[in-house]
N, C-alpha and C. Protein backbone atom coordinates (compact mmCIF):
# COMPACT_ATOMS: atom_id res chain seq x y z
N MET A 1 -3.57 11.94 -30.59
CA MET A 1 -5.41 11.95 -30.48
C MET A 1 -5.16 12.97 -31.78
N ALA A 2 -6.34 12.61 -33.04
CA ALA A 2 -6.67 12.91 -34.21
C ALA A 2 -7.12 14.81 -33.53
N THR A 3 -7.02 15.32 -34.08
CA THR A 3 -7.42 17.21 -33.91
C THR A 3 -8.64 16.96 -35.08
N PRO A 4 -9.76 17.35 -34.37
CA PRO A 4 -10.99 17.30 -34.96
C PRO A 4 -10.93 18.70 -35.82
N GLN A 5 -11.47 18.35 -37.27
CA GLN A 5 -11.71 19.40 -38.23
C GLN A 5 -12.95 20.05 -38.08
N PRO A 6 -13.05 21.45 -38.12
CA PRO A 6 -14.42 22.06 -37.73
C PRO A 6 -14.93 21.80 -39.00
N GLN A 7 -16.24 21.86 -38.48
CA GLN A 7 -17.47 21.72 -39.93
C GLN A 7 -17.44 22.91 -40.65
N GLN A 8 -17.87 22.89 -42.32
CA GLN A 8 -18.16 23.49 -43.01
C GLN A 8 -19.34 24.22 -43.06
N SER A 9 -19.57 25.37 -42.74
CA SER A 9 -20.80 25.75 -42.40
C SER A 9 -21.38 26.08 -43.97
N GLU A 10 -22.70 25.95 -44.11
CA GLU A 10 -23.30 25.55 -45.49
C GLU A 10 -23.83 27.36 -46.05
N TYR A 11 -23.60 26.78 -47.59
CA TYR A 11 -23.74 27.90 -47.76
C TYR A 11 -24.94 29.04 -47.77
N PRO A 12 -24.99 30.24 -47.75
CA PRO A 12 -26.21 31.19 -46.87
C PRO A 12 -27.38 31.30 -48.01
N VAL A 13 -27.16 30.30 -48.99
CA VAL A 13 -28.44 30.59 -50.13
C VAL A 13 -28.61 29.07 -50.01
N GLN A 14 -29.94 28.47 -49.69
CA GLN A 14 -30.20 26.98 -50.11
C GLN A 14 -31.69 26.87 -50.66
N LEU A 15 -31.47 25.72 -51.60
CA LEU A 15 -32.72 25.66 -52.33
C LEU A 15 -32.57 24.00 -51.95
N SER A 16 -34.45 23.75 -52.15
CA SER A 16 -34.51 22.11 -51.89
C SER A 16 -35.66 22.27 -52.77
N ILE A 17 -35.95 21.39 -53.59
CA ILE A 17 -37.38 21.12 -54.32
C ILE A 17 -37.73 19.75 -54.05
N ASP A 18 -38.85 19.30 -53.67
CA ASP A 18 -39.42 18.07 -53.29
C ASP A 18 -39.33 17.18 -54.16
N TYR A 19 -38.68 16.02 -54.50
CA TYR A 19 -39.20 14.76 -55.58
C TYR A 19 -40.37 14.58 -55.38
N PRO A 20 -40.61 14.23 -56.77
CA PRO A 20 -42.05 13.89 -57.06
C PRO A 20 -41.98 12.14 -56.35
N ASP A 21 -42.11 11.57 -56.10
CA ASP A 21 -42.00 9.94 -55.71
C ASP A 21 -43.61 9.28 -56.04
N ARG A 22 -44.20 9.80 -57.31
CA ARG A 22 -45.25 9.33 -57.38
C ARG A 22 -45.52 9.61 -59.20
N GLU A 23 -46.55 9.17 -59.61
CA GLU A 23 -46.99 9.34 -61.03
C GLU A 23 -47.16 10.59 -60.97
N LEU A 24 -46.78 11.37 -62.47
CA LEU A 24 -47.21 12.82 -62.67
C LEU A 24 -48.23 12.80 -63.60
N ASN A 25 -49.03 13.74 -63.65
CA ASN A 25 -49.81 14.17 -64.74
C ASN A 25 -49.32 14.17 -66.18
N ARG A 26 -49.94 13.14 -66.79
CA ARG A 26 -49.13 12.99 -68.35
C ARG A 26 -49.58 13.94 -69.36
N MET A 27 -50.86 14.37 -68.72
CA MET A 27 -51.87 15.04 -69.79
C MET A 27 -51.27 16.69 -69.81
N THR A 28 -50.89 17.15 -68.28
CA THR A 28 -50.81 18.56 -68.29
C THR A 28 -49.04 18.45 -68.68
N THR A 29 -48.21 17.60 -68.43
CA THR A 29 -46.95 17.35 -68.97
C THR A 29 -47.07 17.84 -70.43
N ALA A 30 -47.50 17.17 -71.19
CA ALA A 30 -47.66 16.88 -72.40
C ALA A 30 -47.69 18.40 -72.88
N PHE A 31 -48.71 19.46 -72.31
CA PHE A 31 -49.12 20.47 -73.08
C PHE A 31 -48.40 21.52 -71.91
N ARG A 32 -47.23 21.42 -71.17
CA ARG A 32 -46.83 22.45 -69.93
C ARG A 32 -46.33 23.33 -70.90
N ILE A 33 -45.85 23.49 -71.95
CA ILE A 33 -45.43 24.75 -72.81
C ILE A 33 -46.91 25.61 -72.60
N PHE A 34 -47.68 25.14 -72.69
CA PHE A 34 -49.07 25.97 -73.01
C PHE A 34 -49.74 26.66 -71.77
N THR A 35 -49.57 25.08 -70.72
CA THR A 35 -50.18 25.40 -69.60
C THR A 35 -49.47 26.67 -68.54
N ILE A 36 -48.09 26.65 -68.89
CA ILE A 36 -47.34 27.60 -68.18
C ILE A 36 -47.50 29.20 -68.50
N ILE A 37 -48.31 29.45 -69.79
CA ILE A 37 -48.62 31.01 -70.22
C ILE A 37 -48.96 31.79 -69.50
N PRO A 38 -50.18 31.43 -68.62
CA PRO A 38 -50.80 32.35 -67.87
C PRO A 38 -49.87 32.86 -66.61
N ILE A 39 -49.36 31.72 -65.50
CA ILE A 39 -48.23 31.83 -64.72
C ILE A 39 -47.19 32.83 -65.22
N ALA A 40 -46.63 32.45 -66.25
CA ALA A 40 -45.54 33.00 -66.89
C ALA A 40 -45.89 34.80 -67.32
N ILE A 41 -47.12 35.17 -67.37
CA ILE A 41 -47.19 36.44 -67.98
C ILE A 41 -47.56 36.85 -66.66
N VAL A 42 -48.14 36.24 -65.55
CA VAL A 42 -48.13 37.17 -64.01
C VAL A 42 -46.47 37.75 -63.43
N LEU A 43 -45.67 36.28 -63.82
CA LEU A 43 -44.31 36.68 -63.42
C LEU A 43 -43.72 37.49 -64.11
N GLY A 44 -43.93 37.97 -65.53
CA GLY A 44 -42.77 38.67 -66.11
C GLY A 44 -43.92 40.34 -65.86
N ALA A 45 -45.14 40.17 -65.33
CA ALA A 45 -45.59 41.36 -64.73
C ALA A 45 -44.80 41.92 -63.60
N VAL A 46 -44.40 41.48 -62.73
CA VAL A 46 -43.99 41.74 -61.35
C VAL A 46 -42.15 41.21 -61.58
N ALA A 47 -41.86 40.79 -62.35
CA ALA A 47 -40.55 40.87 -62.48
C ALA A 47 -39.76 41.80 -63.83
N GLY A 48 -40.63 42.63 -64.11
CA GLY A 48 -40.60 43.87 -65.10
C GLY A 48 -40.71 43.55 -66.35
N GLY A 49 -41.13 42.36 -66.96
CA GLY A 49 -41.18 41.93 -68.50
C GLY A 49 -41.73 42.82 -69.09
N THR A 50 -41.50 43.20 -70.53
CA THR A 50 -42.22 44.35 -71.23
C THR A 50 -42.44 43.20 -72.67
N TRP A 51 -43.81 43.71 -73.14
CA TRP A 51 -44.75 43.13 -74.39
C TRP A 51 -44.70 44.14 -75.03
N ARG A 52 -44.30 43.90 -76.25
CA ARG A 52 -44.49 44.73 -77.44
C ARG A 52 -44.92 43.80 -78.94
N TRP A 53 -46.01 44.93 -79.52
CA TRP A 53 -46.21 44.33 -81.02
C TRP A 53 -46.85 45.69 -81.60
N GLY A 54 -46.84 45.10 -82.85
CA GLY A 54 -47.22 46.18 -83.69
C GLY A 54 -48.65 45.82 -84.53
N TYR A 55 -48.50 47.33 -85.29
CA TYR A 55 -50.04 47.32 -86.04
C TYR A 55 -49.54 47.20 -87.55
N HIS A 56 -50.72 47.28 -88.12
CA HIS A 56 -50.37 47.66 -89.77
C HIS A 56 -50.02 49.05 -90.18
N ASN A 57 -50.27 49.89 -89.76
CA ASN A 57 -49.85 51.34 -89.73
C ASN A 57 -48.17 51.81 -89.46
N GLY A 58 -47.65 50.82 -88.72
CA GLY A 58 -46.46 50.67 -88.68
C GLY A 58 -46.54 51.25 -87.06
N SER A 59 -47.39 51.66 -86.59
CA SER A 59 -47.31 51.79 -84.97
C SER A 59 -46.84 50.95 -84.44
N GLU A 60 -46.21 51.20 -82.70
CA GLU A 60 -46.10 50.44 -81.85
C GLU A 60 -46.71 50.42 -80.19
N GLY A 61 -47.40 49.09 -79.72
CA GLY A 61 -47.95 49.27 -78.65
C GLY A 61 -46.73 48.10 -77.89
N PHE A 62 -46.99 48.85 -76.40
CA PHE A 62 -46.47 47.84 -75.60
C PHE A 62 -46.96 48.01 -73.81
N ILE A 63 -46.67 46.50 -73.11
CA ILE A 63 -46.94 47.05 -72.06
C ILE A 63 -46.06 46.48 -71.08
N ALA A 64 -45.70 47.41 -70.33
CA ALA A 64 -44.43 47.10 -69.54
C ALA A 64 -44.99 46.51 -67.92
N GLY A 65 -43.99 45.84 -67.56
CA GLY A 65 -44.47 45.21 -66.03
C GLY A 65 -43.28 46.19 -65.10
N THR A 66 -43.90 46.20 -63.53
CA THR A 66 -42.98 46.74 -62.84
C THR A 66 -42.44 46.04 -61.82
N GLY A 67 -41.21 46.23 -61.44
CA GLY A 67 -40.67 45.36 -60.39
C GLY A 67 -39.14 44.88 -60.70
N GLY A 68 -39.11 43.55 -60.58
CA GLY A 68 -37.62 42.97 -61.21
C GLY A 68 -36.83 43.18 -59.79
N LEU A 69 -36.28 42.03 -60.09
CA LEU A 69 -34.88 42.37 -58.49
C LEU A 69 -34.40 43.26 -58.59
N LEU A 70 -33.85 43.81 -57.01
CA LEU A 70 -33.31 45.35 -56.96
C LEU A 70 -31.79 44.74 -57.01
N TRP A 71 -31.28 45.49 -57.69
CA TRP A 71 -29.76 45.53 -57.62
C TRP A 71 -29.30 46.89 -57.27
N LEU A 72 -29.28 47.91 -58.07
CA LEU A 72 -28.72 48.81 -57.62
C LEU A 72 -28.99 49.62 -56.49
N GLY A 73 -29.96 49.58 -56.07
CA GLY A 73 -30.58 50.13 -54.87
C GLY A 73 -29.86 49.04 -53.75
N PRO A 74 -29.93 48.46 -53.57
CA PRO A 74 -28.71 47.33 -52.64
C PRO A 74 -27.23 47.85 -52.42
N LEU A 75 -27.05 47.63 -53.59
CA LEU A 75 -25.55 48.38 -54.14
C LEU A 75 -25.09 49.41 -53.51
N LEU A 76 -25.94 50.66 -53.82
CA LEU A 76 -25.74 52.01 -53.58
C LEU A 76 -25.67 52.10 -51.98
N MET A 77 -26.67 51.25 -50.99
CA MET A 77 -26.84 51.31 -49.62
C MET A 77 -25.91 50.72 -49.32
N ILE A 78 -25.33 49.84 -49.70
CA ILE A 78 -24.15 49.00 -48.87
C ILE A 78 -22.83 50.06 -49.08
N LEU A 79 -22.80 50.29 -50.30
CA LEU A 79 -21.78 51.26 -50.66
C LEU A 79 -21.71 52.49 -49.90
N PHE A 80 -22.63 53.12 -49.49
CA PHE A 80 -22.71 54.39 -48.99
C PHE A 80 -23.39 54.28 -47.16
N ARG A 81 -23.93 53.16 -47.29
CA ARG A 81 -24.71 53.59 -45.94
C ARG A 81 -24.36 52.43 -44.70
N GLN A 82 -23.86 51.04 -45.63
CA GLN A 82 -23.79 49.73 -45.06
C GLN A 82 -24.98 49.64 -44.64
N LYS A 83 -25.78 49.68 -45.50
CA LYS A 83 -27.04 48.82 -44.87
C LYS A 83 -27.96 48.25 -46.29
N TYR A 84 -28.82 47.24 -46.13
CA TYR A 84 -29.41 46.62 -46.70
C TYR A 84 -30.88 46.17 -46.23
N PRO A 85 -31.93 47.48 -46.55
CA PRO A 85 -33.34 47.79 -46.17
C PRO A 85 -34.06 46.26 -46.31
N ARG A 86 -34.32 45.72 -45.22
CA ARG A 86 -35.13 44.23 -45.14
C ARG A 86 -36.31 44.10 -46.15
N TRP A 87 -36.88 45.23 -46.18
CA TRP A 87 -37.72 45.01 -47.05
C TRP A 87 -37.61 44.61 -48.63
N TRP A 88 -36.20 45.58 -48.77
CA TRP A 88 -36.05 45.26 -50.13
C TRP A 88 -35.35 43.60 -50.17
N PHE A 89 -34.84 43.14 -49.22
CA PHE A 89 -34.33 41.75 -49.38
C PHE A 89 -35.51 41.07 -49.12
N ASP A 90 -36.35 40.90 -48.64
CA ASP A 90 -37.99 40.24 -48.98
C ASP A 90 -38.29 40.44 -50.23
N TRP A 91 -38.73 41.48 -50.90
CA TRP A 91 -39.12 41.60 -51.85
C TRP A 91 -38.13 40.90 -53.06
N ASN A 92 -36.54 40.38 -52.72
CA ASN A 92 -35.89 40.31 -54.02
C ASN A 92 -36.14 38.57 -53.47
N LEU A 93 -36.45 38.35 -52.51
CA LEU A 93 -36.53 36.55 -51.84
C LEU A 93 -37.44 36.05 -52.36
N GLU A 94 -38.70 36.96 -52.12
CA GLU A 94 -40.02 36.39 -52.82
C GLU A 94 -40.15 36.16 -54.21
N LEU A 95 -39.74 37.26 -54.76
CA LEU A 95 -39.95 37.14 -56.55
C LEU A 95 -38.83 35.82 -56.79
N GLN A 96 -37.93 35.58 -56.32
CA GLN A 96 -36.96 34.26 -56.83
C GLN A 96 -38.10 33.41 -56.53
N ARG A 97 -38.47 33.56 -54.68
CA ARG A 97 -39.35 31.95 -54.66
C ARG A 97 -40.50 31.92 -55.81
N PHE A 98 -40.99 32.56 -56.08
CA PHE A 98 -42.18 32.55 -57.30
C PHE A 98 -41.41 31.94 -58.55
N GLY A 99 -40.73 32.93 -58.96
CA GLY A 99 -39.61 32.19 -60.51
C GLY A 99 -39.12 30.84 -60.29
N THR A 100 -38.84 30.56 -58.87
CA THR A 100 -38.29 29.08 -59.04
C THR A 100 -39.34 28.39 -59.22
N ARG A 101 -40.77 28.74 -58.63
CA ARG A 101 -41.53 27.68 -58.68
C ARG A 101 -41.96 27.70 -60.12
N VAL A 102 -42.36 28.96 -60.63
CA VAL A 102 -42.67 28.80 -62.64
C VAL A 102 -41.33 27.74 -63.15
N THR A 103 -40.02 27.80 -62.85
CA THR A 103 -38.62 27.36 -63.28
C THR A 103 -39.26 25.82 -63.07
N ALA A 104 -39.55 25.68 -61.86
CA ALA A 104 -39.68 23.88 -61.68
C ALA A 104 -41.06 23.51 -62.16
N TYR A 105 -41.95 24.07 -62.42
CA TYR A 105 -42.93 23.93 -62.98
C TYR A 105 -42.84 23.37 -64.80
N LEU A 106 -42.13 24.66 -65.12
CA LEU A 106 -41.62 24.50 -66.50
C LEU A 106 -40.39 23.16 -67.01
N ALA A 107 -39.87 22.66 -65.81
CA ALA A 107 -38.80 21.86 -66.00
C ALA A 107 -39.84 20.52 -65.75
N LEU A 108 -40.88 20.47 -65.71
CA LEU A 108 -41.59 19.06 -64.97
C LEU A 108 -41.42 18.64 -63.94
N MET A 109 -40.65 19.23 -63.40
CA MET A 109 -40.21 19.05 -61.50
C MET A 109 -41.32 18.89 -60.29
N ASP A 110 -42.45 19.56 -61.15
CA ASP A 110 -44.35 19.53 -59.78
C ASP A 110 -44.80 19.49 -61.24
N ASP A 111 -46.21 18.97 -61.20
CA ASP A 111 -47.02 18.96 -61.48
C ASP A 111 -48.46 19.80 -61.32
N THR A 112 -47.99 20.63 -59.71
CA THR A 112 -48.94 21.43 -59.30
C THR A 112 -48.63 22.63 -59.83
N TYR A 113 -50.12 23.19 -59.93
CA TYR A 113 -49.64 24.98 -60.37
C TYR A 113 -49.12 25.68 -59.99
N PRO A 114 -48.04 26.78 -60.20
CA PRO A 114 -47.31 27.46 -59.31
C PRO A 114 -47.88 28.28 -58.92
N SER A 115 -47.70 28.87 -57.48
CA SER A 115 -48.84 29.57 -56.90
C SER A 115 -47.91 30.93 -56.53
N THR A 116 -48.38 32.06 -56.61
CA THR A 116 -48.04 33.10 -56.48
C THR A 116 -47.28 33.34 -55.19
N ASP A 117 -47.70 32.77 -54.03
CA ASP A 117 -47.42 33.08 -52.68
C ASP A 117 -47.02 31.39 -51.77
N ASP A 118 -48.12 30.52 -51.90
CA ASP A 118 -47.44 29.49 -51.36
C ASP A 118 -46.18 29.03 -51.57
N HIS A 119 -45.50 28.12 -50.52
CA HIS A 119 -44.16 27.49 -51.32
C HIS A 119 -44.11 26.32 -51.92
N GLN A 120 -44.97 25.77 -51.56
CA GLN A 120 -46.02 24.13 -52.44
C GLN A 120 -44.29 23.57 -52.27
N ALA A 121 -43.89 23.20 -53.35
CA ALA A 121 -42.50 21.82 -53.29
C ALA A 121 -41.28 22.67 -53.26
N VAL A 122 -41.40 23.84 -53.46
CA VAL A 122 -39.95 24.64 -53.61
C VAL A 122 -39.91 25.21 -52.08
N ARG A 123 -38.58 24.99 -51.53
CA ARG A 123 -37.87 25.89 -50.51
C ARG A 123 -36.69 26.55 -50.98
N LEU A 124 -36.82 27.66 -50.62
CA LEU A 124 -35.16 28.52 -51.35
C LEU A 124 -35.15 29.62 -50.11
N ASP A 125 -34.32 29.57 -49.33
CA ASP A 125 -33.80 30.50 -48.39
C ASP A 125 -32.22 31.30 -48.49
N TYR A 126 -32.49 32.75 -47.81
CA TYR A 126 -31.54 33.21 -47.94
C TYR A 126 -31.34 33.23 -46.44
N ILE A 127 -30.28 33.86 -46.45
CA ILE A 127 -29.87 34.55 -44.69
C ILE A 127 -30.05 35.84 -44.47
N TYR A 128 -30.48 36.52 -43.91
CA TYR A 128 -30.49 38.12 -44.09
C TYR A 128 -29.31 38.82 -43.56
N PRO A 129 -28.10 39.23 -44.46
CA PRO A 129 -27.34 39.86 -43.81
C PRO A 129 -27.36 41.24 -42.65
N ASP A 130 -26.43 41.00 -42.07
CA ASP A 130 -25.61 42.43 -41.27
C ASP A 130 -25.09 43.27 -42.31
N ALA A 131 -25.59 43.69 -42.82
CA ALA A 131 -24.47 44.56 -44.22
C ALA A 131 -23.41 45.18 -43.56
N ALA A 132 -23.38 45.76 -42.48
CA ALA A 132 -22.20 46.16 -41.75
C ALA A 132 -20.83 45.59 -41.13
N ARG A 133 -21.51 44.37 -40.73
CA ARG A 133 -20.90 43.22 -40.55
C ARG A 133 -20.53 42.08 -41.37
N ASP A 134 -21.64 42.05 -42.45
CA ASP A 134 -20.83 41.02 -43.29
C ASP A 134 -20.93 40.79 -44.42
N LEU A 135 -20.80 42.21 -44.93
CA LEU A 135 -21.03 42.64 -46.65
C LEU A 135 -19.59 43.68 -46.53
N ASN A 136 -18.61 43.14 -47.35
CA ASN A 136 -17.88 44.43 -47.58
C ASN A 136 -18.07 45.53 -48.64
N ARG A 137 -18.34 46.85 -48.11
CA ARG A 137 -19.16 47.78 -48.95
C ARG A 137 -18.40 47.99 -50.22
N TRP A 138 -17.14 47.44 -50.74
CA TRP A 138 -16.74 47.60 -52.01
C TRP A 138 -16.92 46.73 -52.75
N LEU A 139 -16.80 45.73 -52.33
CA LEU A 139 -17.33 44.15 -53.21
C LEU A 139 -18.14 44.08 -53.85
N PRO A 140 -19.19 44.97 -53.39
CA PRO A 140 -20.51 44.70 -55.10
C PRO A 140 -19.90 45.79 -56.11
N LEU A 141 -18.67 46.28 -56.31
CA LEU A 141 -18.61 46.88 -57.46
C LEU A 141 -17.72 46.35 -58.50
N VAL A 142 -17.29 44.63 -57.97
CA VAL A 142 -16.83 43.97 -58.83
C VAL A 142 -17.26 42.21 -58.68
N LYS A 143 -18.06 42.07 -57.71
CA LYS A 143 -18.91 40.87 -58.27
C LYS A 143 -18.99 40.27 -59.24
N TRP A 144 -19.38 41.55 -59.85
CA TRP A 144 -20.22 40.83 -61.49
C TRP A 144 -18.94 40.28 -62.19
N LEU A 145 -17.41 40.87 -61.99
CA LEU A 145 -16.37 40.14 -62.64
C LEU A 145 -15.72 38.96 -61.58
N LEU A 146 -15.59 39.09 -60.58
CA LEU A 146 -15.52 37.93 -60.31
C LEU A 146 -16.36 36.57 -60.47
N ALA A 147 -17.55 36.83 -60.87
CA ALA A 147 -18.60 35.77 -61.03
C ALA A 147 -18.46 34.98 -62.54
N ILE A 148 -17.34 35.84 -63.39
CA ILE A 148 -17.30 35.44 -64.73
C ILE A 148 -17.32 33.98 -65.09
N PRO A 149 -16.26 33.03 -63.98
CA PRO A 149 -16.07 31.69 -64.28
C PRO A 149 -17.40 31.21 -63.80
N HIS A 150 -18.20 31.38 -62.88
CA HIS A 150 -19.63 30.69 -63.07
C HIS A 150 -20.34 31.25 -64.30
N TYR A 151 -20.82 32.33 -64.33
CA TYR A 151 -21.64 32.21 -65.73
C TYR A 151 -21.04 31.53 -66.74
N ILE A 152 -19.61 31.31 -67.12
CA ILE A 152 -19.26 30.56 -68.42
C ILE A 152 -19.65 28.91 -68.00
N VAL A 153 -19.73 28.31 -66.72
CA VAL A 153 -19.66 27.08 -66.45
C VAL A 153 -21.47 26.94 -66.59
N LEU A 154 -22.36 28.01 -65.78
CA LEU A 154 -23.50 27.46 -65.75
C LEU A 154 -24.16 27.66 -67.65
N PHE A 155 -23.45 28.41 -68.58
CA PHE A 155 -23.83 28.52 -69.72
C PHE A 155 -24.08 26.98 -69.99
N PHE A 156 -22.76 26.14 -69.93
CA PHE A 156 -22.90 24.94 -70.62
C PHE A 156 -24.04 23.99 -69.66
N LEU A 157 -24.17 24.46 -67.95
CA LEU A 157 -24.80 23.77 -67.41
C LEU A 157 -26.61 23.53 -67.61
N GLU A 158 -26.25 24.67 -67.95
CA GLU A 158 -27.80 25.34 -68.57
C GLU A 158 -28.70 24.62 -69.83
N ILE A 159 -27.41 24.52 -70.85
CA ILE A 159 -27.54 24.03 -71.88
C ILE A 159 -27.99 22.29 -71.65
N ALA A 160 -27.07 22.13 -70.83
CA ALA A 160 -27.40 20.25 -70.20
C ALA A 160 -28.73 19.86 -69.50
N ALA A 161 -29.14 21.08 -68.86
CA ALA A 161 -30.26 20.83 -68.32
C ALA A 161 -31.77 20.60 -68.94
N VAL A 162 -31.41 21.68 -70.30
CA VAL A 162 -32.79 21.83 -71.28
C VAL A 162 -32.75 20.63 -71.79
N VAL A 163 -31.95 19.95 -72.30
CA VAL A 163 -31.32 18.70 -72.80
C VAL A 163 -32.22 17.66 -71.90
N ILE A 164 -31.81 17.61 -70.74
CA ILE A 164 -32.52 16.82 -69.62
C ILE A 164 -34.08 16.63 -69.77
N VAL A 165 -34.40 17.91 -69.50
CA VAL A 165 -35.85 18.30 -69.28
C VAL A 165 -36.69 17.60 -70.62
N ILE A 166 -36.17 17.73 -71.94
CA ILE A 166 -36.50 17.30 -73.27
C ILE A 166 -36.83 16.10 -72.92
N VAL A 167 -35.88 15.30 -72.61
CA VAL A 167 -35.44 13.85 -72.41
C VAL A 167 -36.22 13.71 -71.56
N THR A 168 -36.77 13.97 -70.87
CA THR A 168 -37.44 13.84 -69.44
C THR A 168 -38.82 13.96 -69.86
N TRP A 169 -39.12 14.89 -70.79
CA TRP A 169 -40.89 14.81 -70.91
C TRP A 169 -41.04 13.75 -71.77
N PHE A 170 -40.14 13.15 -72.68
CA PHE A 170 -40.71 11.87 -73.04
C PHE A 170 -40.84 10.32 -71.94
N THR A 171 -40.16 11.01 -71.10
CA THR A 171 -40.04 9.83 -70.01
C THR A 171 -41.22 10.11 -69.56
N ILE A 172 -41.72 10.96 -69.08
CA ILE A 172 -42.90 11.04 -68.13
C ILE A 172 -43.97 10.65 -69.00
N LEU A 173 -43.92 10.74 -70.34
CA LEU A 173 -45.32 10.71 -71.13
C LEU A 173 -45.19 9.29 -71.29
N PHE A 174 -44.25 8.48 -71.18
CA PHE A 174 -44.51 6.85 -71.11
C PHE A 174 -44.29 5.81 -70.07
N THR A 175 -43.48 6.90 -69.15
CA THR A 175 -43.81 5.80 -67.79
C THR A 175 -44.20 6.84 -66.71
N GLY A 176 -44.46 8.13 -67.01
CA GLY A 176 -45.40 9.00 -65.83
C GLY A 176 -44.24 9.29 -64.74
N ARG A 177 -42.82 8.96 -64.75
CA ARG A 177 -42.10 9.38 -63.62
C ARG A 177 -40.93 10.24 -64.23
N TYR A 178 -40.37 10.80 -63.32
CA TYR A 178 -39.20 11.76 -63.30
C TYR A 178 -38.14 11.12 -62.58
N PRO A 179 -36.99 10.40 -63.63
CA PRO A 179 -35.89 9.78 -63.17
C PRO A 179 -35.37 10.58 -62.22
N ARG A 180 -34.52 10.32 -61.05
CA ARG A 180 -34.21 10.53 -59.91
C ARG A 180 -33.05 11.46 -60.34
N GLY A 181 -31.98 10.76 -60.99
CA GLY A 181 -30.64 11.16 -61.16
C GLY A 181 -30.82 12.66 -62.38
N ALA A 182 -31.78 12.77 -63.01
CA ALA A 182 -32.14 13.59 -64.19
C ALA A 182 -32.70 14.98 -62.69
N PHE A 183 -33.70 14.49 -62.18
CA PHE A 183 -33.87 15.75 -61.27
C PHE A 183 -33.28 16.01 -60.64
N ASP A 184 -32.47 15.76 -59.69
CA ASP A 184 -31.38 15.87 -59.14
C ASP A 184 -30.24 16.94 -59.67
N PHE A 185 -29.96 16.42 -60.82
CA PHE A 185 -29.01 17.23 -61.83
C PHE A 185 -29.73 18.52 -62.24
N VAL A 186 -30.84 18.97 -62.58
CA VAL A 186 -31.75 20.13 -62.40
C VAL A 186 -31.96 20.87 -61.71
N GLU A 187 -32.09 20.06 -60.59
CA GLU A 187 -32.45 20.95 -59.26
C GLU A 187 -31.09 21.43 -58.92
N GLY A 188 -29.83 20.78 -58.98
CA GLY A 188 -28.35 21.47 -58.81
C GLY A 188 -28.56 22.34 -59.37
N VAL A 189 -28.71 22.48 -61.17
CA VAL A 189 -28.19 23.64 -61.90
C VAL A 189 -28.99 25.13 -61.27
N ILE A 190 -30.33 24.89 -60.92
CA ILE A 190 -31.08 25.72 -60.49
C ILE A 190 -30.73 26.34 -59.06
N ARG A 191 -30.29 25.51 -58.24
CA ARG A 191 -29.21 25.63 -57.16
C ARG A 191 -28.26 26.76 -57.19
N TRP A 192 -27.41 26.09 -58.37
CA TRP A 192 -26.23 26.66 -58.52
C TRP A 192 -26.47 28.29 -59.23
N HIS A 193 -27.23 28.54 -60.40
CA HIS A 193 -27.95 29.57 -60.92
C HIS A 193 -28.20 30.92 -59.67
N LEU A 194 -29.03 30.02 -58.77
CA LEU A 194 -29.44 31.09 -57.47
C LEU A 194 -28.17 31.66 -56.54
N ARG A 195 -27.73 30.74 -56.23
CA ARG A 195 -26.36 31.34 -55.79
C ARG A 195 -25.47 32.18 -56.62
N VAL A 196 -25.35 32.37 -57.62
CA VAL A 196 -24.68 33.39 -58.34
C VAL A 196 -25.62 34.58 -58.54
N ILE A 197 -26.67 34.31 -58.64
CA ILE A 197 -27.34 35.60 -58.36
C ILE A 197 -27.54 36.23 -57.21
N ALA A 198 -27.36 35.49 -55.93
CA ALA A 198 -27.33 35.90 -54.77
C ALA A 198 -26.35 36.91 -54.34
N TYR A 199 -25.19 36.27 -54.92
CA TYR A 199 -23.86 36.73 -54.85
C TYR A 199 -23.39 38.16 -55.37
N ALA A 200 -23.57 37.98 -56.74
CA ALA A 200 -23.27 39.00 -57.90
C ALA A 200 -24.75 39.98 -58.31
N GLY A 201 -25.64 39.23 -57.92
CA GLY A 201 -27.16 40.12 -58.66
C GLY A 201 -27.86 40.44 -57.39
N THR A 202 -28.26 39.97 -56.11
CA THR A 202 -28.97 40.51 -55.06
C THR A 202 -28.43 40.76 -54.40
N LEU A 203 -26.82 40.42 -53.97
CA LEU A 203 -25.88 40.74 -53.00
C LEU A 203 -26.06 40.75 -51.62
N VAL A 204 -26.63 39.87 -51.37
CA VAL A 204 -26.97 39.14 -50.12
C VAL A 204 -25.64 38.15 -49.44
N THR A 205 -24.82 38.22 -49.95
CA THR A 205 -23.69 37.65 -49.37
C THR A 205 -22.32 37.64 -50.00
N ASP A 206 -21.31 37.86 -49.35
CA ASP A 206 -19.97 37.63 -49.76
C ASP A 206 -19.10 36.67 -49.92
N GLN A 207 -19.64 35.64 -49.43
CA GLN A 207 -19.32 33.71 -49.93
C GLN A 207 -19.56 33.56 -51.29
N TYR A 208 -18.12 33.50 -51.80
CA TYR A 208 -18.49 33.14 -52.98
C TYR A 208 -18.59 31.84 -53.45
N PRO A 209 -19.61 31.36 -54.57
CA PRO A 209 -20.48 30.33 -54.64
C PRO A 209 -19.77 29.44 -55.06
N PRO A 210 -20.00 27.88 -54.41
CA PRO A 210 -19.33 26.72 -54.68
C PRO A 210 -19.44 26.30 -55.98
N PHE A 211 -18.34 26.05 -56.82
CA PHE A 211 -18.59 25.20 -58.07
C PHE A 211 -19.08 23.31 -57.39
N GLN A 212 -20.70 23.55 -57.35
CA GLN A 212 -20.85 22.17 -56.88
C GLN A 212 -22.34 22.40 -57.28
N LEU A 213 -23.13 21.05 -57.61
CA LEU A 213 -24.44 20.98 -57.68
C LEU A 213 -25.40 20.64 -56.47
N ASN A 214 -24.48 20.28 -55.52
CA ASN A 214 -25.40 19.22 -54.59
C ASN A 214 -25.43 20.76 -53.31
N PRO A 215 -26.29 20.69 -52.37
CA PRO A 215 -26.65 21.60 -51.56
C PRO A 215 -25.17 22.12 -50.91
């Protein structure tokens, strides 16, 4: 009698984007690089973006956004207190959900304008960790180093994703449809990127990210 194999638990960071099985808006697709500007400014304002400009007299002005993903604070709390404050976790998660909606819109995966709070077609979920039980207090000091192989692979994957989105832009203009294979690939690259951020950036899991595009 064969011994049943234990099922592998799913990775604690899950992303899914609804495939638009319909004809997409060709007008907003054609001008996506312009229509995204307002929401990109909003995202930059809460993600810590900085805008700088110069004057004819040589002086400069700038506007700095506040916020951004929390990394150092969680690292210190995990290291010294073995805690991960829930509101820090919620802030990082909601900011990444917002950023992913904007990314999906820019990548032509949805023609619904990104919301600042509604999840829309993007579902990104993290499992909230019990820091004392689930997180090694010393591992955050070296996660950035352990994730280097992922940085290298993602560099090439993200270049490929940009090329695919450009080709898809022409496809949508002519056919109104997003090829399913292209959609799945771009979704997989975004998912991979977010899992690496969760491991080495927001520090919500010690489970090493898988080298895979699928869920």
